[in-house]
Amino acid sequence: ASARDDEALEQIRRETEDRYGRLPESVERLFAYARLRRTAESAGVVSIDRTPTGLAFKLRETARVSPDKLLGLVSAGGASFSPSGVLRVESGGEGLIESARRVLLDIRDGG
């Protein structure tokens, strides 16, 4: 989506729903994905990949993430951070998009 921010994206979602009625799950996932991309950009993450056990977040070299926040994620278990800037997080029972968004918000707000 070409929305400038989450508020504009939500407005597009509401307009689409007003025009076409209740949105199918696939369209809701598309909007969730667009929100995820915006959150990743603001957190300094250039890519998110699915791994056999969860998710891998590749941080931009210039990402401003608190070392204490990364250490906290790793110390809590289920996460690892490599010198190449990849944060690997095991994914729980929640959906992948929601799991990724939760991690992104956590590292973004900690930076």
PDB file of N, CA and C in Angstrom:
ATOM      1  N   ALA A   1       0.840  -1.185   0.000  1.00  0.00           N
ATOM      2  CA  ALA A   1       0.000   0.000   0.000  1.00  0.00           C
ATOM      3  C   ALA A   1       0.879   1.239   0.000  1.00  0.00           C
ATOM      4  N   SER A   2       0.372   2.286  -0.592  1.00  0.00           N
ATOM      5  CA  SER A   2       1.147   3.515  -0.692  1.00  0.00           C
ATOM      6  C   SER A   2       0.844   4.479   0.446  1.00  0.00           C
ATOM      7  N   ALA A   3       0.223   4.010   1.499  1.00  0.00           N
ATOM      8  CA  ALA A   3      -0.114   4.866   2.637  1.00  0.00           C
ATOM      9  C   ALA A   3       1.157   5.395   3.296  1.00  0.00           C
ATOM     10  N   ARG A   4       1.111   6.666   3.715  1.00  0.00           N
ATOM     11  CA  ARG A   4       2.279   7.303   4.328  1.00  0.00           C
ATOM     12  C   ARG A   4       2.497   6.861   5.762  1.00  0.00           C
ATOM     13  N   ASP A   5       1.434   6.473   6.456  1.00  0.00           N
ATOM     14  CA  ASP A   5       1.558   6.056   7.849  1.00  0.00           C
ATOM     15  C   ASP A   5       0.424   5.093   8.191  1.00  0.00           C
ATOM     16  N   ASP A   6       0.456   4.562   9.423  1.00  0.00           N
ATOM     17  CA  ASP A   6      -0.555   3.587   9.831  1.00  0.00           C
ATOM     18  C   ASP A   6      -1.960   4.174   9.814  1.00  0.00           C
ATOM     19  N   GLU A   7      -2.086   5.452  10.145  1.00  0.00           N
ATOM     20  CA  GLU A   7      -3.400   6.093  10.140  1.00  0.00           C
ATOM     21  C   GLU A   7      -3.974   6.148   8.723  1.00  0.00           C
ATOM     22  N   ALA A   8      -3.138   6.502   7.748  1.00  0.00           N
ATOM     23  CA  ALA A   8      -3.581   6.534   6.355  1.00  0.00           C
ATOM     24  C   ALA A   8      -3.928   5.128   5.869  1.00  0.00           C
ATOM     25  N   LEU A   9      -3.154   4.147   6.288  1.00  0.00           N
ATOM     26  CA  LEU A   9      -3.432   2.763   5.915  1.00  0.00           C
ATOM     27  C   LEU A   9      -4.776   2.311   6.479  1.00  0.00           C
ATOM     28  N   GLU A  10      -5.046   2.663   7.727  1.00  0.00           N
ATOM     29  CA  GLU A  10      -6.323   2.305   8.344  1.00  0.00           C
ATOM     30  C   GLU A  10      -7.477   3.001   7.634  1.00  0.00           C
ATOM     31  N   GLN A  11      -7.269   4.226   7.202  1.00  0.00           N
ATOM     32  CA  GLN A  11      -8.316   4.942   6.468  1.00  0.00           C
ATOM     33  C   GLN A  11      -8.619   4.229   5.146  1.00  0.00           C
ATOM     34  N   ILE A  12      -7.583   3.770   4.457  1.00  0.00           N
ATOM     35  CA  ILE A  12      -7.779   3.020   3.212  1.00  0.00           C
ATOM     36  C   ILE A  12      -8.546   1.732   3.499  1.00  0.00           C
ATOM     37  N   ARG A  13      -8.200   1.041   4.599  1.00  0.00           N
ATOM     38  CA  ARG A  13      -8.901  -0.188   4.960  1.00  0.00           C
ATOM     39  C   ARG A  13     -10.376   0.085   5.217  1.00  0.00           C
ATOM     40  N   ARG A  14     -10.674   1.150   5.972  1.00  0.00           N
ATOM     41  CA  ARG A  14     -12.076   1.491   6.268  1.00  0.00           C
ATOM     42  C   ARG A  14     -12.843   1.854   5.002  1.00  0.00           C
ATOM     43  N   GLU A  15     -12.213   2.630   4.113  1.00  0.00           N
ATOM     44  CA  GLU A  15     -12.867   3.005   2.856  1.00  0.00           C
ATOM     45  C   GLU A  15     -13.154   1.773   2.003  1.00  0.00           C
ATOM     46  N   THR A  16     -12.207   0.854   1.971  1.00  0.00           N
ATOM     47  CA  THR A  16     -12.404  -0.385   1.209  1.00  0.00           C
ATOM     48  C   THR A  16     -13.557  -1.185   1.793  1.00  0.00           C
ATOM     49  N   GLU A  17     -13.612  -1.270   3.117  1.00  0.00           N
ATOM     50  CA  GLU A  17     -14.695  -1.996   3.781  1.00  0.00           C
ATOM     51  C   GLU A  17     -16.034  -1.307   3.552  1.00  0.00           C
ATOM     52  N   ASP A  18     -16.059   0.018   3.601  1.00  0.00           N
ATOM     53  CA  ASP A  18     -17.302   0.755   3.339  1.00  0.00           C
ATOM     54  C   ASP A  18     -17.806   0.496   1.926  1.00  0.00           C
ATOM     55  N   ARG A  19     -16.891   0.440   0.988  1.00  0.00           N
ATOM     56  CA  ARG A  19     -17.283   0.275  -0.411  1.00  0.00           C
ATOM     57  C   ARG A  19     -17.690  -1.162  -0.740  1.00  0.00           C
ATOM     58  N   TYR A  20     -16.948  -2.143  -0.215  1.00  0.00           N
ATOM     59  CA  TYR A  20     -17.157  -3.531  -0.626  1.00  0.00           C
ATOM     60  C   TYR A  20     -17.748  -4.429   0.453  1.00  0.00           C
ATOM     61  N   GLY A  21     -17.966  -3.894   1.638  1.00  0.00           N
ATOM     62  CA  GLY A  21     -18.496  -4.718   2.721  1.00  0.00           C
ATOM     63  C   GLY A  21     -17.368  -5.388   3.492  1.00  0.00           C
ATOM     64  N   ARG A  22     -17.762  -6.358   4.305  1.00  0.00           N
ATOM     65  CA  ARG A  22     -16.783  -7.054   5.149  1.00  0.00           C
ATOM     66  C   ARG A  22     -15.647  -7.607   4.296  1.00  0.00           C
ATOM     67  N   LEU A  23     -14.418  -7.332   4.736  1.00  0.00           N
ATOM     68  CA  LEU A  23     -13.244  -7.737   3.961  1.00  0.00           C
ATOM     69  C   LEU A  23     -12.912  -9.205   4.202  1.00  0.00           C
ATOM     70  N   PRO A  24     -12.564  -9.924   3.139  1.00  0.00           N
ATOM     71  CA  PRO A  24     -12.140 -11.318   3.308  1.00  0.00           C
ATOM     72  C   PRO A  24     -10.845 -11.384   4.121  1.00  0.00           C
ATOM     73  N   GLU A  25     -10.606 -12.525   4.732  1.00  0.00           N
ATOM     74  CA  GLU A  25      -9.413 -12.723   5.553  1.00  0.00           C
ATOM     75  C   GLU A  25      -8.134 -12.430   4.767  1.00  0.00           C
ATOM     76  N   SER A  26      -8.102 -12.791   3.491  1.00  0.00           N
ATOM     77  CA  SER A  26      -6.901 -12.553   2.682  1.00  0.00           C
ATOM     78  C   SER A  26      -6.613 -11.058   2.534  1.00  0.00           C
ATOM     79  N   VAL A  27      -7.651 -10.246   2.431  1.00  0.00           N
ATOM     80  CA  VAL A  27      -7.462  -8.795   2.324  1.00  0.00           C
ATOM     81  C   VAL A  27      -7.024  -8.226   3.673  1.00  0.00           C
ATOM     82  N   GLU A  28      -7.604  -8.727   4.763  1.00  0.00           N
ATOM     83  CA  GLU A  28      -7.180  -8.291   6.101  1.00  0.00           C
ATOM     84  C   GLU A  28      -5.704  -8.620   6.320  1.00  0.00           C
ATOM     85  N   ARG A  29      -5.260  -9.798   5.845  1.00  0.00           N
ATOM     86  CA  ARG A  29      -3.846 -10.174   5.969  1.00  0.00           C
ATOM     87  C   ARG A  29      -2.957  -9.238   5.151  1.00  0.00           C
ATOM     88  N   LEU A  30      -3.457  -8.808   3.994  1.00  0.00           N
ATOM     89  CA  LEU A  30      -2.703  -7.870   3.165  1.00  0.00           C
ATOM     90  C   LEU A  30      -2.487  -6.549   3.908  1.00  0.00           C
ATOM     91  N   PHE A  31      -3.522  -6.053   4.573  1.00  0.00           N
ATOM     92  CA  PHE A  31      -3.380  -4.828   5.365  1.00  0.00           C
ATOM     93  C   PHE A  31      -2.442  -5.062   6.557  1.00  0.00           C
ATOM     94  N   ALA A  32      -2.532  -6.233   7.180  1.00  0.00           N
ATOM     95  CA  ALA A  32      -1.635  -6.556   8.300  1.00  0.00           C
ATOM     96  C   ALA A  32      -0.186  -6.600   7.812  1.00  0.00           C
ATOM     97  N   TYR A  33       0.023  -7.140   6.630  1.00  0.00           N
ATOM     98  CA  TYR A  33       1.367  -7.192   6.050  1.00  0.00           C
ATOM     99  C   TYR A  33       1.896  -5.779   5.782  1.00  0.00           C
ATOM    100  N   ALA A  34       1.034  -4.909   5.271  1.00  0.00           N
ATOM    101  CA  ALA A  34       1.445  -3.523   5.006  1.00  0.00           C
ATOM    102  C   ALA A  34       1.835  -2.822   6.308  1.00  0.00           C
ATOM    103  N   ARG A  35       1.071  -3.054   7.381  1.00  0.00           N
ATOM    104  CA  ARG A  35       1.418  -2.473   8.688  1.00  0.00           C
ATOM    105  C   ARG A  35       2.758  -3.029   9.176  1.00  0.00           C
ATOM    106  N   LEU A  36       2.966  -4.325   8.952  1.00  0.00           N
ATOM    107  CA  LEU A  36       4.220  -4.966   9.356  1.00  0.00           C
ATOM    108  C   LEU A  36       5.412  -4.338   8.628  1.00  0.00           C
ATOM    109  N   ARG A  37       5.267  -4.094   7.338  1.00  0.00           N
ATOM    110  CA  ARG A  37       6.346  -3.462   6.566  1.00  0.00           C
ATOM    111  C   ARG A  37       6.681  -2.085   7.117  1.00  0.00           C
ATOM    112  N   ARG A  38       5.665  -1.317   7.450  1.00  0.00           N
ATOM    113  CA  ARG A  38       5.884   0.029   8.003  1.00  0.00           C
ATOM    114  C   ARG A  38       6.610  -0.072   9.350  1.00  0.00           C
ATOM    115  N   THR A  39       6.198  -1.012  10.182  1.00  0.00           N
ATOM    116  CA  THR A  39       6.830  -1.191  11.491  1.00  0.00           C
ATOM    117  C   THR A  39       8.279  -1.638  11.323  1.00  0.00           C
ATOM    118  N   ALA A  40       8.534  -2.538  10.368  1.00  0.00           N
ATOM    119  CA  ALA A  40       9.904  -3.008  10.114  1.00  0.00           C
ATOM    120  C   ALA A  40      10.798  -1.847   9.686  1.00  0.00           C
ATOM    121  N   GLU A  41      10.297  -1.008   8.798  1.00  0.00           N
ATOM    122  CA  GLU A  41      11.076   0.146   8.352  1.00  0.00           C
ATOM    123  C   GLU A  41      11.436   1.047   9.524  1.00  0.00           C
ATOM    124  N   SER A  42      10.469   1.301  10.400  1.00  0.00           N
ATOM    125  CA  SER A  42      10.726   2.208  11.524  1.00  0.00           C
ATOM    126  C   SER A  42      11.653   1.580  12.566  1.00  0.00           C
ATOM    127  N   ALA A  43      11.751   0.249  12.579  1.00  0.00           N
ATOM    128  CA  ALA A  43      12.628  -0.442  13.530  1.00  0.00           C
ATOM    129  C   ALA A  43      14.026  -0.680  12.963  1.00  0.00           C
ATOM    130  N   GLY A  44      14.244  -0.310  11.697  1.00  0.00           N
ATOM    131  CA  GLY A  44      15.554  -0.512  11.091  1.00  0.00           C
ATOM    132  C   GLY A  44      15.777  -1.921  10.585  1.00  0.00           C
ATOM    133  N   VAL A  45      14.702  -2.632  10.288  1.00  0.00           N
ATOM    134  CA  VAL A  45      14.790  -4.009   9.798  1.00  0.00           C
ATOM    135  C   VAL A  45      14.602  -4.006   8.281  1.00  0.00           C
ATOM    136  N   VAL A  46      15.532  -4.638   7.569  1.00  0.00           N
ATOM    137  CA  VAL A  46      15.460  -4.656   6.109  1.00  0.00           C
ATOM    138  C   VAL A  46      14.772  -5.899   5.560  1.00  0.00           C
ATOM    139  N   SER A  47      14.744  -6.972   6.347  1.00  0.00           N
ATOM    140  CA  SER A  47      14.040  -8.170   5.885  1.00  0.00           C
ATOM    141  C   SER A  47      13.611  -9.025   7.074  1.00  0.00           C
ATOM    142  N   ILE A  48      12.544  -9.768   6.838  1.00  0.00           N
ATOM    143  CA  ILE A  48      12.052 -10.740   7.816  1.00  0.00           C
ATOM    144  C   ILE A  48      11.861 -12.042   7.056  1.00  0.00           C
ATOM    145  N   ASP A  49      12.504 -13.096   7.537  1.00  0.00           N
ATOM    146  CA  ASP A  49      12.387 -14.399   6.887  1.00  0.00           C
ATOM    147  C   ASP A  49      11.832 -15.414   7.865  1.00  0.00           C
ATOM    148  N   ARG A  50      11.051 -16.330   7.329  1.00  0.00           N
ATOM    149  CA  ARG A  50      10.543 -17.433   8.138  1.00  0.00           C
ATOM    150  C   ARG A  50      11.636 -18.494   8.214  1.00  0.00           C
ATOM    151  N   THR A  51      11.864 -19.007   9.409  1.00  0.00           N
ATOM    152  CA  THR A  51      12.836 -20.081   9.612  1.00  0.00           C
ATOM    153  C   THR A  51      12.067 -21.318  10.070  1.00  0.00           C
ATOM    154  N   PRO A  52      12.719 -22.480  10.127  1.00  0.00           N
ATOM    155  CA  PRO A  52      12.000 -23.676  10.587  1.00  0.00           C
ATOM    156  C   PRO A  52      11.416 -23.533  11.997  1.00  0.00           C
ATOM    157  N   THR A  53      12.037 -22.697  12.833  1.00  0.00           N
ATOM    158  CA  THR A  53      11.560 -22.571  14.218  1.00  0.00           C
ATOM    159  C   THR A  53      10.960 -21.210  14.551  1.00  0.00           C
ATOM    160  N   GLY A  54      10.956 -20.296  13.603  1.00  0.00           N
ATOM    161  CA  GLY A  54      10.413 -18.970  13.912  1.00  0.00           C
ATOM    162  C   GLY A  54      10.706 -17.957  12.833  1.00  0.00           C
ATOM    163  N   LEU A  55      11.345 -16.843  13.234  1.00  0.00           N
ATOM    164  CA  LEU A  55      11.572 -15.729  12.327  1.00  0.00           C
ATOM    165  C   LEU A  55      13.001 -15.208  12.452  1.00  0.00           C
ATOM    166  N   ALA A  56      13.534 -14.672  11.347  1.00  0.00           N
ATOM    167  CA  ALA A  56      14.856 -14.046  11.337  1.00  0.00           C
ATOM    168  C   ALA A  56      14.701 -12.616  10.839  1.00  0.00           C
ATOM    169  N   PHE A  57      15.175 -11.661  11.628  1.00  0.00           N
ATOM    170  CA  PHE A  57      15.084 -10.236  11.319  1.00  0.00           C
ATOM    171  C   PHE A  57      16.477  -9.726  10.971  1.00  0.00           C
ATOM    172  N   LYS A  58      16.665  -9.228   9.766  1.00  0.00           N
ATOM    173  CA  LYS A  58      17.958  -8.663   9.347  1.00  0.00           C
ATOM    174  C   LYS A  58      17.905  -7.162   9.590  1.00  0.00           C
ATOM    175  N   LEU A  59      18.757  -6.692  10.499  1.00  0.00           N
ATOM    176  CA  LEU A  59      18.795  -5.275  10.836  1.00  0.00           C
ATOM    177  C   LEU A  59      19.703  -4.503   9.886  1.00  0.00           C
ATOM    178  N   ARG A  60      19.287  -3.305   9.564  1.00  0.00           N
ATOM    179  CA  ARG A  60      20.095  -2.388   8.771  1.00  0.00           C
ATOM    180  C   ARG A  60      21.357  -2.066   9.575  1.00  0.00           C
ATOM    181  N   GLU A  61      22.469  -1.843   8.904  1.00  0.00           N
ATOM    182  CA  GLU A  61      23.718  -1.523   9.607  1.00  0.00           C
ATOM    183  C   GLU A  61      23.571  -0.284  10.472  1.00  0.00           C
ATOM    184  N   THR A  62      22.713   0.637  10.056  1.00  0.00           N
ATOM    185  CA  THR A  62      22.528   1.890  10.792  1.00  0.00           C
ATOM    186  C   THR A  62      21.349   1.836  11.762  1.00  0.00           C
ATOM    187  N   ALA A  63      20.781   0.646  11.962  1.00  0.00           N
ATOM    188  CA  ALA A  63      19.630   0.520  12.873  1.00  0.00           C
ATOM    189  C   ALA A  63      20.036   0.942  14.280  1.00  0.00           C
ATOM    190  N   ARG A  64      19.170   1.701  14.915  1.00  0.00           N
ATOM    191  CA  ARG A  64      19.445   2.172  16.276  1.00  0.00           C
ATOM    192  C   ARG A  64      18.613   1.339  17.247  1.00  0.00           C
ATOM    193  N   VAL A  65      19.155   0.183  17.578  1.00  0.00           N
ATOM    194  CA  VAL A  65      18.492  -0.737  18.500  1.00  0.00           C
ATOM    195  C   VAL A  65      19.330  -0.808  19.769  1.00  0.00           C
ATOM    196  N   SER A  66      18.667  -0.727  20.889  1.00  0.00           N
ATOM    197  CA  SER A  66      19.362  -0.774  22.172  1.00  0.00           C
ATOM    198  C   SER A  66      20.030  -2.137  22.370  1.00  0.00           C
ATOM    199  N   PRO A  67      21.338  -2.156  22.646  1.00  0.00           N
ATOM    200  CA  PRO A  67      22.007  -3.428  22.945  1.00  0.00           C
ATOM    201  C   PRO A  67      21.364  -4.125  24.145  1.00  0.00           C
ATOM    202  N   ASP A  68      20.903  -3.338  25.116  1.00  0.00           N
ATOM    203  CA  ASP A  68      20.237  -3.925  26.285  1.00  0.00           C
ATOM    204  C   ASP A  68      18.950  -4.631  25.888  1.00  0.00           C
ATOM    205  N   LYS A  69      18.227  -4.065  24.918  1.00  0.00           N
ATOM    206  CA  LYS A  69      16.983  -4.684  24.458  1.00  0.00           C
ATOM    207  C   LYS A  69      17.286  -6.010  23.765  1.00  0.00           C
ATOM    208  N   LEU A  70      18.309  -6.034  22.911  1.00  0.00           N
ATOM    209  CA  LEU A  70      18.697  -7.281  22.241  1.00  0.00           C
ATOM    210  C   LEU A  70      19.159  -8.317  23.254  1.00  0.00           C
ATOM    211  N   LEU A  71      19.969  -7.892  24.208  1.00  0.00           N
ATOM    212  CA  LEU A  71      20.445  -8.801  25.248  1.00  0.00           C
ATOM    213  C   LEU A  71      19.272  -9.357  26.048  1.00  0.00           C
ATOM    214  N   GLY A  72      18.284  -8.515  26.319  1.00  0.00           N
ATOM    215  CA  GLY A  72      17.096  -8.965  27.045  1.00  0.00           C
ATOM    216  C   GLY A  72      16.333 -10.035  26.287  1.00  0.00           C
ATOM    217  N   LEU A  73      16.190  -9.858  24.968  1.00  0.00           N
ATOM    218  CA  LEU A  73      15.500 -10.865  24.156  1.00  0.00           C
ATOM    219  C   LEU A  73      16.260 -12.185  24.166  1.00  0.00           C
ATOM    220  N   VAL A  74      17.586 -12.103  24.017  1.00  0.00           N
ATOM    221  CA  VAL A  74      18.408 -13.316  23.994  1.00  0.00           C
ATOM    222  C   VAL A  74      18.406 -13.980  25.367  1.00  0.00           C
ATOM    223  N   SER A  75      18.531 -13.189  26.428  1.00  0.00           N
ATOM    224  CA  SER A  75      18.560 -13.730  27.794  1.00  0.00           C
ATOM    225  C   SER A  75      17.251 -14.402  28.175  1.00  0.00           C
ATOM    226  N   ALA A  76      16.147 -13.887  27.644  1.00  0.00           N
ATOM    227  CA  ALA A  76      14.835 -14.452  27.969  1.00  0.00           C
ATOM    228  C   ALA A  76      14.657 -15.835  27.347  1.00  0.00           C
ATOM    229  N   GLY A  77      15.517 -16.176  26.414  1.00  0.00           N
ATOM    230  CA  GLY A  77      15.444 -17.485  25.761  1.00  0.00           C
ATOM    231  C   GLY A  77      14.627 -17.417  24.488  1.00  0.00           C
ATOM    232  N   GLY A  78      14.922 -18.324  23.592  1.00  0.00           N
ATOM    233  CA  GLY A  78      14.183 -18.394  22.340  1.00  0.00           C
ATOM    234  C   GLY A  78      14.623 -17.378  21.304  1.00  0.00           C
ATOM    235  N   ALA A  79      15.758 -16.698  21.537  1.00  0.00           N
ATOM    236  CA  ALA A  79      16.257 -15.723  20.571  1.00  0.00           C
ATOM    237  C   ALA A  79      17.777 -15.773  20.534  1.00  0.00           C
ATOM    238  N   SER A  80      18.329 -15.407  19.369  1.00  0.00           N
ATOM    239  CA  SER A  80      19.780 -15.291  19.232  1.00  0.00           C
ATOM    240  C   SER A  80      20.068 -14.113  18.313  1.00  0.00           C
ATOM    241  N   PHE A  81      21.249 -13.523  18.485  1.00  0.00           N
ATOM    242  CA  PHE A  81      21.650 -12.388  17.656  1.00  0.00           C
ATOM    243  C   PHE A  81      23.048 -12.648  17.128  1.00  0.00           C
ATOM    244  N   SER A  82      23.216 -12.514  15.821  1.00  0.00           N
ATOM    245  CA  SER A  82      24.516 -12.789  15.204  1.00  0.00           C
ATOM    246  C   SER A  82      25.268 -11.487  14.940  1.00  0.00           C
ATOM    247  N   PRO A  83      26.601 -11.569  14.834  1.00  0.00           N
ATOM    248  CA  PRO A  83      27.393 -10.373  14.525  1.00  0.00           C
ATOM    249  C   PRO A  83      27.027  -9.749  13.176  1.00  0.00           C
ATOM    250  N   SER A  84      26.418 -10.527  12.289  1.00  0.00           N
ATOM    251  CA  SER A  84      26.028  -9.996  10.981  1.00  0.00           C
ATOM    252  C   SER A  84      24.723  -9.210  11.037  1.00  0.00           C
ATOM    253  N   GLY A  85      24.155  -9.067  12.236  1.00  0.00           N
ATOM    254  CA  GLY A  85      22.951  -8.250  12.391  1.00  0.00           C
ATOM    255  C   GLY A  85      21.649  -8.986  12.177  1.00  0.00           C
ATOM    256  N   VAL A  86      21.641 -10.288  12.419  1.00  0.00           N
ATOM    257  CA  VAL A  86      20.413 -11.072  12.262  1.00  0.00           C
ATOM    258  C   VAL A  86      19.919 -11.510  13.633  1.00  0.00           C
ATOM    259  N   LEU A  87      18.693 -11.117  13.937  1.00  0.00           N
ATOM    260  CA  LEU A  87      18.027 -11.524  15.169  1.00  0.00           C
ATOM    261  C   LEU A  87      17.100 -12.680  14.831  1.00  0.00           C
ATOM    262  N   ARG A  88      17.344 -13.838  15.439  1.00  0.00           N
ATOM    263  CA  ARG A  88      16.488 -15.013  15.227  1.00  0.00           C
ATOM    264  C   ARG A  88      15.643 -15.211  16.470  1.00  0.00           C
ATOM    265  N   VAL A  89      14.336 -15.336  16.248  1.00  0.00           N
ATOM    266  CA  VAL A  89      13.393 -15.470  17.356  1.00  0.00           C
ATOM    267  C   VAL A  89      12.502 -16.669  17.091  1.00  0.00           C
ATOM    268  N   GLU A  90      12.386 -17.543  18.093  1.00  0.00           N
ATOM    269  CA  GLU A  90      11.458 -18.660  17.971  1.00  0.00           C
ATOM    270  C   GLU A  90      10.044 -18.109  18.049  1.00  0.00           C
ATOM    271  N   SER A  91       9.172 -18.634  17.208  1.00  0.00           N
ATOM    272  CA  SER A  91       7.796 -18.152  17.162  1.00  0.00           C
ATOM    273  C   SER A  91       6.907 -19.069  17.980  1.00  0.00           C
ATOM    274  N   GLY A  92       6.075 -18.465  18.808  1.00  0.00           N
ATOM    275  CA  GLY A  92       5.146 -19.229  19.636  1.00  0.00           C
ATOM    276  C   GLY A  92       3.921 -19.640  18.844  1.00  0.00           C
ATOM    277  N   GLY A  93       2.809 -19.798  19.528  1.00  0.00           N
ATOM    278  CA  GLY A  93       1.580 -20.251  18.897  1.00  0.00           C
ATOM    279  C   GLY A  93       0.839 -19.180  18.122  1.00  0.00           C
ATOM    280  N   GLU A  94       1.226 -17.897  18.274  1.00  0.00           N
ATOM    281  CA  GLU A  94       0.505 -16.835  17.583  1.00  0.00           C
ATOM    282  C   GLU A  94       0.857 -16.820  16.104  1.00  0.00           C
ATOM    283  N   GLY A  95       0.087 -16.092  15.314  1.00  0.00           N
ATOM    284  CA  GLY A  95       0.347 -15.990  13.894  1.00  0.00           C
ATOM    285  C   GLY A  95       1.686 -15.330  13.620  1.00  0.00           C
ATOM    286  N   LEU A  96       2.271 -15.649  12.479  1.00  0.00           N
ATOM    287  CA  LEU A  96       3.597 -15.132  12.152  1.00  0.00           C
ATOM    288  C   LEU A  96       3.620 -13.616  12.032  1.00  0.00           C
ATOM    289  N   ILE A  97       2.600 -13.035  11.412  1.00  0.00           N
ATOM    290  CA  ILE A  97       2.584 -11.581  11.256  1.00  0.00           C
ATOM    291  C   ILE A  97       2.509 -10.914  12.615  1.00  0.00           C
ATOM    292  N   GLU A  98       1.641 -11.409  13.489  1.00  0.00           N
ATOM    293  CA  GLU A  98       1.511 -10.810  14.820  1.00  0.00           C
ATOM    294  C   GLU A  98       2.778 -11.030  15.643  1.00  0.00           C
ATOM    295  N   SER A  99       3.376 -12.192  15.524  1.00  0.00           N
ATOM    296  CA  SER A  99       4.622 -12.474  16.235  1.00  0.00           C
ATOM    297  C   SER A  99       5.729 -11.530  15.766  1.00  0.00           C
ATOM    298  N   ALA A 100       5.843 -11.349  14.456  1.00  0.00           N
ATOM    299  CA  ALA A 100       6.859 -10.449  13.907  1.00  0.00           C
ATOM    300  C   ALA A 100       6.611  -9.016  14.354  1.00  0.00           C
ATOM    301  N   ARG A 101       5.363  -8.584  14.328  1.00  0.00           N
ATOM    302  CA  ARG A 101       5.029  -7.211  14.740  1.00  0.00           C
ATOM    303  C   ARG A 101       5.381  -6.978  16.213  1.00  0.00           C
ATOM    304  N   ARG A 102       5.116  -7.968  17.054  1.00  0.00           N
ATOM    305  CA  ARG A 102       5.420  -7.848  18.483  1.00  0.00           C
ATOM    306  C   ARG A 102       6.922  -7.665  18.696  1.00  0.00           C
ATOM    307  N   VAL A 103       7.739  -8.461  18.001  1.00  0.00           N
ATOM    308  CA  VAL A 103       9.198  -8.344  18.129  1.00  0.00           C
ATOM    309  C   VAL A 103       9.666  -6.990  17.602  1.00  0.00           C
ATOM    310  N   LEU A 104       9.131  -6.573  16.459  1.00  0.00           N
ATOM    311  CA  LEU A 104       9.526  -5.284  15.885  1.00  0.00           C
ATOM    312  C   LEU A 104       9.208  -4.128  16.820  1.00  0.00           C
ATOM    313  N   LEU A 105       8.015  -4.145  17.398  1.00  0.00           N
ATOM    314  CA  LEU A 105       7.644  -3.079  18.334  1.00  0.00           C
ATOM    315  C   LEU A 105       8.557  -3.097  19.549  1.00  0.00           C
ATOM    316  N   ASP A 106       8.913  -4.295  19.983  1.00  0.00           N
ATOM    317  CA  ASP A 106       9.784  -4.437  21.148  1.00  0.00           C
ATOM    318  C   ASP A 106      11.167  -3.840  20.884  1.00  0.00           C
ATOM    319  N   ILE A 107      11.765  -4.170  19.738  1.00  0.00           N
ATOM    320  CA  ILE A 107      13.107  -3.648  19.471  1.00  0.00           C
ATOM    321  C   ILE A 107      13.061  -2.182  19.059  1.00  0.00           C
ATOM    322  N   ARG A 108      12.011  -1.768  18.380  1.00  0.00           N
ATOM    323  CA  ARG A 108      11.903  -0.362  17.974  1.00  0.00           C
ATOM    324  C   ARG A 108      11.757   0.544  19.190  1.00  0.00           C
ATOM    325  N   ASP A 109      10.888   0.168  20.098  1.00  0.00           N
ATOM    326  CA  ASP A 109      10.637   0.999  21.269  1.00  0.00           C
ATOM    327  C   ASP A 109      11.785   0.953  22.263  1.00  0.00           C
ATOM    328  N   GLY A 110      12.684  -0.008  22.090  1.00  0.00           N
ATOM    329  CA  GLY A 110      13.824  -0.103  23.002  1.00  0.00           C
ATOM    330  C   GLY A 110      15.048   0.629  22.507  1.00  0.00           C
ATOM    331  N   GLY A 111      14.972   1.170  21.281  1.00  0.00           N
ATOM    332  CA  GLY A 111      16.154   1.802  20.695  1.00  0.00           C
ATOM    333  C   GLY A 111      16.312   3.246  21.031  1.00  0.00           C
TER     334      GLY A 111
END
